[in-house]
């Protein structure tokens, strides 16, 4: 599953805590950019 498909299925509210666990900045960033920065094993 590609980052675009994941970004369509997941809400930003659900994505923020996961991104913060991995040290990804979440303010002023689009949802697709957060998904692209996540490690491969987390995306699945």
N, C-alpha and C. Protein backbone atom coordinates (compact mmCIF):
# COMPACT_ATOMS: atom_id res chain seq x y z
N UNK A 1 0.85 -1.17 0.00
CA UNK A 1 0.00 0.00 0.00
C UNK A 1 0.90 1.23 0.00
N UNK A 2 0.61 2.15 -0.89
CA UNK A 2 1.41 3.36 -1.04
C UNK A 2 1.04 4.42 -0.02
N UNK A 3 1.89 5.43 0.12
CA UNK A 3 1.61 6.50 1.09
C UNK A 3 0.33 7.26 0.80
N UNK A 4 -0.01 7.41 -0.48
CA UNK A 4 -1.24 8.13 -0.83
C UNK A 4 -2.47 7.39 -0.33
N UNK A 5 -2.47 6.06 -0.47
CA UNK A 5 -3.61 5.25 -0.03
C UNK A 5 -3.75 5.29 1.49
N UNK A 6 -2.61 5.25 2.18
CA UNK A 6 -2.63 5.29 3.64
C UNK A 6 -3.16 6.63 4.12
N UNK A 7 -2.72 7.71 3.49
CA UNK A 7 -3.15 9.06 3.88
C UNK A 7 -4.65 9.24 3.70
N UNK A 8 -5.22 8.58 2.71
CA UNK A 8 -6.67 8.67 2.50
C UNK A 8 -7.45 7.92 3.57
N UNK A 9 -6.89 6.81 4.05
CA UNK A 9 -7.62 5.97 5.01
C UNK A 9 -7.49 6.45 6.45
N UNK A 10 -6.37 7.08 6.81
CA UNK A 10 -6.09 7.44 8.19
C UNK A 10 -6.41 8.91 8.43
N UNK A 11 -6.96 9.21 9.60
CA UNK A 11 -7.21 10.60 9.94
C UNK A 11 -5.97 11.19 10.60
N UNK A 12 -5.83 12.49 10.53
CA UNK A 12 -4.69 13.17 11.12
C UNK A 12 -4.69 13.02 12.63
N UNK A 13 -5.87 12.95 13.21
CA UNK A 13 -5.99 12.78 14.66
C UNK A 13 -5.38 11.45 15.10
N UNK A 14 -5.54 10.40 14.30
CA UNK A 14 -4.95 9.10 14.62
C UNK A 14 -3.47 9.05 14.28
N UNK A 15 -3.06 9.82 13.31
CA UNK A 15 -1.68 9.78 12.81
C UNK A 15 -0.71 10.56 13.70
N UNK A 16 -1.18 11.61 14.35
CA UNK A 16 -0.30 12.47 15.15
C UNK A 16 0.46 11.73 16.26
N UNK A 17 -0.21 10.92 17.11
CA UNK A 17 0.54 10.24 18.17
C UNK A 17 1.60 9.28 17.63
N UNK A 18 1.32 8.62 16.52
CA UNK A 18 2.29 7.70 15.92
C UNK A 18 3.50 8.48 15.42
N UNK A 19 3.25 9.62 14.80
CA UNK A 19 4.36 10.44 14.29
C UNK A 19 5.21 10.98 15.43
N UNK A 20 4.59 11.38 16.51
CA UNK A 20 5.34 11.92 17.64
C UNK A 20 6.22 10.85 18.28
N UNK A 21 5.76 9.60 18.29
CA UNK A 21 6.57 8.50 18.82
C UNK A 21 7.85 8.33 18.02
N UNK A 22 7.80 8.64 16.73
CA UNK A 22 8.96 8.45 15.86
C UNK A 22 9.73 9.74 15.64
N UNK A 23 9.36 10.80 16.35
CA UNK A 23 10.10 12.05 16.28
C UNK A 23 9.85 12.86 15.02
N UNK A 24 8.67 12.71 14.43
CA UNK A 24 8.32 13.45 13.22
C UNK A 24 7.52 14.69 13.62
N UNK A 25 7.89 15.83 13.05
CA UNK A 25 7.20 17.09 13.33
C UNK A 25 5.78 17.01 12.78
N UNK A 26 4.79 17.45 13.55
CA UNK A 26 3.40 17.34 13.12
C UNK A 26 2.71 18.68 12.92
N UNK A 27 3.33 19.77 13.31
CA UNK A 27 2.69 21.07 13.12
C UNK A 27 3.08 21.64 11.76
N UNK A 28 2.13 22.22 11.08
CA UNK A 28 2.33 22.85 9.77
C UNK A 28 2.83 21.85 8.72
N UNK A 29 2.38 20.61 8.82
CA UNK A 29 2.79 19.58 7.87
C UNK A 29 1.53 18.90 7.35
N UNK A 30 1.51 18.60 6.06
CA UNK A 30 0.38 17.89 5.47
C UNK A 30 0.41 16.43 5.88
N UNK A 31 -0.76 15.83 5.84
CA UNK A 31 -0.89 14.43 6.24
C UNK A 31 -0.03 13.51 5.38
N UNK A 32 0.04 13.74 4.09
CA UNK A 32 0.82 12.90 3.18
C UNK A 32 2.30 12.99 3.51
N UNK A 33 2.78 14.16 3.93
CA UNK A 33 4.19 14.32 4.29
C UNK A 33 4.53 13.52 5.54
N UNK A 34 3.62 13.47 6.50
CA UNK A 34 3.84 12.68 7.71
C UNK A 34 3.92 11.20 7.35
N UNK A 35 3.00 10.74 6.51
CA UNK A 35 2.99 9.32 6.12
C UNK A 35 4.27 8.95 5.38
N UNK A 36 4.76 9.82 4.54
CA UNK A 36 5.99 9.52 3.79
C UNK A 36 7.21 9.42 4.70
N UNK A 37 7.21 10.13 5.84
CA UNK A 37 8.35 10.13 6.75
C UNK A 37 8.34 8.94 7.71
N UNK A 38 7.20 8.26 7.83
CA UNK A 38 7.11 7.12 8.74
C UNK A 38 7.96 5.97 8.23
N UNK A 39 8.55 5.18 9.13
CA UNK A 39 9.30 4.00 8.71
C UNK A 39 8.40 2.99 8.01
N UNK A 40 8.98 2.19 7.17
CA UNK A 40 8.20 1.23 6.35
C UNK A 40 7.38 0.26 7.19
N UNK A 41 7.94 -0.25 8.29
CA UNK A 41 7.20 -1.23 9.10
C UNK A 41 5.99 -0.62 9.79
N UNK A 42 6.01 0.68 10.05
CA UNK A 42 4.87 1.34 10.69
C UNK A 42 3.75 1.56 9.68
N UNK A 43 4.10 1.81 8.45
CA UNK A 43 3.08 2.05 7.41
C UNK A 43 2.16 0.86 7.21
N UNK A 44 2.71 -0.31 7.35
CA UNK A 44 1.91 -1.52 7.13
C UNK A 44 1.07 -1.81 8.35
